[in-house]
Amino acid sequence: MATHNELGSWGEELAAHYLQWKGYTILERDWHSGHRDIDIIAMDGETVVFVEVKTRRNRLFTEPEDAIDYQKLRNLRAAMNHYVKFQRLQREIRLDVVTVVGTPDNGTPAITHIQDVPMY
């Protein structure tokens, strides 16, 4: 596996543990709809939360959440819509972003949880 893929997998694992620590129930990880994916799908109370995880080694060039551009949001909306229809969900939904900055071999990573990200 390429180094960036390993870093991303590590970040997703940390994000899942972080969300569980906050009381979320993880429903799915790395859910795919064609070429689109959702990193984590979880329950926060009665709300289904779709979580995009962005992992970076550092913040030298940009903030991790800045990588979520119009095209990424469009793909996330399409995947979320497919999941809602596929599961026949009748619940509130929202999009969250969890950023992880650091590396597995370099101390404690910085984790930021941004709730209810606008989907436009």
C-alpha atoms as a PDB file:
ATOM      1  CA  MET A   1       0.000   0.000   0.000  1.00  0.00           C
ATOM      2  CA  ALA A   2       1.288   3.468  -0.852  1.00  0.00           C
ATOM      3  CA  THR A   3       2.412   5.665   2.053  1.00  0.00           C
ATOM      4  CA  HIS A   4      -0.418   8.195   1.558  1.00  0.00           C
ATOM      5  CA  ASN A   5      -2.971   5.355   1.610  1.00  0.00           C
ATOM      6  CA  GLU A   6      -1.496   4.048   4.863  1.00  0.00           C
ATOM      7  CA  LEU A   7      -1.704   7.533   6.358  1.00  0.00           C
ATOM      8  CA  GLY A   8      -5.324   7.841   5.245  1.00  0.00           C
ATOM      9  CA  SER A   9      -6.243   4.445   6.717  1.00  0.00           C
ATOM     10  CA  TRP A  10      -4.553   5.395   9.981  1.00  0.00           C
ATOM     11  CA  GLY A  11      -6.487   8.689  10.059  1.00  0.00           C
ATOM     12  CA  GLU A  12      -9.807   6.952   9.390  1.00  0.00           C
ATOM     13  CA  GLU A  13      -9.114   4.480  12.191  1.00  0.00           C
ATOM     14  CA  LEU A  14      -8.358   7.340  14.605  1.00  0.00           C
ATOM     15  CA  ALA A  15     -11.464   9.223  13.479  1.00  0.00           C
ATOM     16  CA  ALA A  16     -13.668   6.156  14.066  1.00  0.00           C
ATOM     17  CA  HIS A  17     -12.250   5.683  17.585  1.00  0.00           C
ATOM     18  CA  TYR A  18     -12.679   9.407  18.282  1.00  0.00           C
ATOM     19  CA  LEU A  19     -16.327   9.338  17.185  1.00  0.00           C
ATOM     20  CA  GLN A  20     -17.007   6.235  19.290  1.00  0.00           C
ATOM     21  CA  TRP A  21     -15.402   7.988  22.261  1.00  0.00           C
ATOM     22  CA  LYS A  22     -17.862  10.867  21.672  1.00  0.00           C
ATOM     23  CA  GLY A  23     -20.761   8.381  21.810  1.00  0.00           C
ATOM     24  CA  TYR A  24     -21.387   7.833  18.102  1.00  0.00           C
ATOM     25  CA  THR A  25     -22.280   4.362  16.847  1.00  0.00           C
ATOM     26  CA  ILE A  26     -20.354   3.392  13.711  1.00  0.00           C
ATOM     27  CA  LEU A  27     -22.645   1.838  11.088  1.00  0.00           C
ATOM     28  CA  GLU A  28     -20.334   1.601   8.078  1.00  0.00           C
ATOM     29  CA  ARG A  29     -16.730   2.275   7.165  1.00  0.00           C
ATOM     30  CA  ASP A  30     -15.475   2.951   3.646  1.00  0.00           C
ATOM     31  CA  TRP A  31     -18.925   2.572   2.083  1.00  0.00           C
ATOM     32  CA  HIS A  32     -18.855   2.694  -1.738  1.00  0.00           C
ATOM     33  CA  SER A  33     -21.373   3.838  -4.308  1.00  0.00           C
ATOM     34  CA  GLY A  34     -19.690   3.225  -7.629  1.00  0.00           C
ATOM     35  CA  HIS A  35     -16.527   5.339  -7.658  1.00  0.00           C
ATOM     36  CA  ARG A  36     -17.756   7.473  -4.773  1.00  0.00           C
ATOM     37  CA  ASP A  37     -17.168   6.614  -1.145  1.00  0.00           C
ATOM     38  CA  ILE A  38     -18.123   7.695   2.330  1.00  0.00           C
ATOM     39  CA  ASP A  39     -15.402   7.221   4.919  1.00  0.00           C
ATOM     40  CA  ILE A  40     -17.629   6.675   7.956  1.00  0.00           C
ATOM     41  CA  ILE A  41     -21.380   6.454   8.453  1.00  0.00           C
ATOM     42  CA  ALA A  42     -22.448   6.741  12.076  1.00  0.00           C
ATOM     43  CA  MET A  43     -25.379   7.452  14.349  1.00  0.00           C
ATOM     44  CA  ASP A  44     -25.365  10.464  16.664  1.00  0.00           C
ATOM     45  CA  GLY A  45     -28.520   9.918  18.671  1.00  0.00           C
ATOM     46  CA  GLU A  46     -31.273   9.639  16.054  1.00  0.00           C
ATOM     47  CA  THR A  47     -29.268  11.380  13.304  1.00  0.00           C
ATOM     48  CA  VAL A  48     -27.363   9.535  10.581  1.00  0.00           C
ATOM     49  CA  VAL A  49     -23.998  11.234  10.187  1.00  0.00           C
ATOM     50  CA  PHE A  50     -21.881  10.921   7.049  1.00  0.00           C
ATOM     51  CA  VAL A  51     -18.257  11.623   7.918  1.00  0.00           C
ATOM     52  CA  GLU A  52     -15.492  12.666   5.535  1.00  0.00           C
ATOM     53  CA  VAL A  53     -12.049  12.133   7.059  1.00  0.00           C
ATOM     54  CA  LYS A  54      -9.067  14.177   5.872  1.00  0.00           C
ATOM     55  CA  THR A  55      -5.623  13.198   7.123  1.00  0.00           C
ATOM     56  CA  ARG A  56      -2.468  15.235   6.576  1.00  0.00           C
ATOM     57  CA  ARG A  57       1.078  14.980   7.904  1.00  0.00           C
ATOM     58  CA  ASN A  58       1.121  18.699   8.715  1.00  0.00           C
ATOM     59  CA  ARG A  59      -0.506  22.032   7.897  1.00  0.00           C
ATOM     60  CA  LEU A  60       2.382  23.511   5.913  1.00  0.00           C
ATOM     61  CA  PHE A  61       0.511  23.913   2.640  1.00  0.00           C
ATOM     62  CA  THR A  62      -3.161  24.003   3.573  1.00  0.00           C
ATOM     63  CA  GLU A  63      -5.723  22.993   6.156  1.00  0.00           C
ATOM     64  CA  PRO A  64      -7.010  19.425   5.636  1.00  0.00           C
ATOM     65  CA  GLU A  65     -10.644  20.523   5.333  1.00  0.00           C
ATOM     66  CA  ASP A  66      -9.707  22.804   2.409  1.00  0.00           C
ATOM     67  CA  ALA A  67      -9.357  19.644   0.299  1.00  0.00           C
ATOM     68  CA  ILE A  68     -13.151  19.332   0.331  1.00  0.00           C
ATOM     69  CA  ASP A  69     -13.947  21.324  -2.769  1.00  0.00           C
ATOM     70  CA  TYR A  70     -17.093  21.650  -4.876  1.00  0.00           C
ATOM     71  CA  GLN A  71     -16.435  18.393  -6.755  1.00  0.00           C
ATOM     72  CA  LYS A  72     -15.827  16.450  -3.535  1.00  0.00           C
ATOM     73  CA  LEU A  73     -19.040  17.841  -2.011  1.00  0.00           C
ATOM     74  CA  ARG A  74     -20.924  16.895  -5.162  1.00  0.00           C
ATOM     75  CA  ASN A  75     -19.614  13.326  -4.951  1.00  0.00           C
ATOM     76  CA  LEU A  76     -20.403  13.133  -1.234  1.00  0.00           C
ATOM     77  CA  ARG A  77     -23.969  14.351  -1.817  1.00  0.00           C
ATOM     78  CA  ALA A  78     -24.469  11.736  -4.544  1.00  0.00           C
ATOM     79  CA  ALA A  79     -23.104   8.930  -2.339  1.00  0.00           C
ATOM     80  CA  MET A  80     -25.179  10.107   0.633  1.00  0.00           C
ATOM     81  CA  ASN A  81     -28.304  10.208  -1.525  1.00  0.00           C
ATOM     82  CA  HIS A  82     -27.622   6.675  -2.754  1.00  0.00           C
ATOM     83  CA  TYR A  83     -27.125   5.415   0.811  1.00  0.00           C
ATOM     84  CA  VAL A  84     -30.350   7.076   2.017  1.00  0.00           C
ATOM     85  CA  LYS A  85     -32.322   5.498  -0.833  1.00  0.00           C
ATOM     86  CA  PHE A  86     -30.553   2.119  -0.555  1.00  0.00           C
ATOM     87  CA  GLN A  87     -31.266   1.915   3.185  1.00  0.00           C
ATOM     88  CA  ARG A  88     -34.707   3.588   2.876  1.00  0.00           C
ATOM     89  CA  LEU A  89     -33.747   5.950   5.682  1.00  0.00           C
ATOM     90  CA  GLN A  90     -36.425   8.075   7.298  1.00  0.00           C
ATOM     91  CA  ARG A  91     -34.096   9.965   9.672  1.00  0.00           C
ATOM     92  CA  GLU A  92     -32.333  13.277   9.855  1.00  0.00           C
ATOM     93  CA  ILE A  93     -28.943  13.273   8.175  1.00  0.00           C
ATOM     94  CA  ARG A  94     -25.911  15.527   8.313  1.00  0.00           C
ATOM     95  CA  LEU A  95     -22.371  15.774   6.994  1.00  0.00           C
ATOM     96  CA  ASP A  96     -19.415  16.067   9.372  1.00  0.00           C
ATOM     97  CA  VAL A  97     -15.702  16.357   8.669  1.00  0.00           C
ATOM     98  CA  VAL A  98     -12.994  14.951  10.915  1.00  0.00           C
ATOM     99  CA  THR A  99      -9.443  16.106  10.260  1.00  0.00           C
ATOM    100  CA  VAL A 100      -6.378  14.320  11.560  1.00  0.00           C
ATOM    101  CA  VAL A 101      -2.995  16.058  11.415  1.00  0.00           C
ATOM    102  CA  GLY A 102       0.102  14.061  12.297  1.00  0.00           C
ATOM    103  CA  THR A 103       1.731  10.718  11.627  1.00  0.00           C
ATOM    104  CA  PRO A 104       1.588   7.381  13.441  1.00  0.00           C
ATOM    105  CA  ASP A 105       5.211   7.706  14.564  1.00  0.00           C
ATOM    106  CA  ASN A 106       5.147  11.357  15.660  1.00  0.00           C
ATOM    107  CA  GLY A 107       3.332  11.827  18.976  1.00  0.00           C
ATOM    108  CA  THR A 108      -0.305  12.690  19.475  1.00  0.00           C
ATOM    109  CA  PRO A 109      -2.157  13.781  16.320  1.00  0.00           C
ATOM    110  CA  ALA A 110      -4.436  16.818  16.250  1.00  0.00           C
ATOM    111  CA  ILE A 111      -8.053  15.784  15.658  1.00  0.00           C
ATOM    112  CA  THR A 112     -10.715  18.333  14.725  1.00  0.00           C
ATOM    113  CA  HIS A 113     -14.404  17.516  14.348  1.00  0.00           C
ATOM    114  CA  ILE A 114     -16.481  19.900  12.245  1.00  0.00           C
ATOM    115  CA  GLN A 115     -20.190  19.158  12.614  1.00  0.00           C
ATOM    116  CA  ASP A 116     -22.995  19.914  10.184  1.00  0.00           C
ATOM    117  CA  VAL A 117     -20.931  21.009   7.187  1.00  0.00           C
ATOM    118  CA  PRO A 118     -23.023  22.844   4.549  1.00  0.00           C
ATOM    119  CA  MET A 119     -23.565  20.577   1.531  1.00  0.00           C
ATOM    120  CA  TYR A 120     -23.507  23.231  -1.177  1.00  0.00           C
END
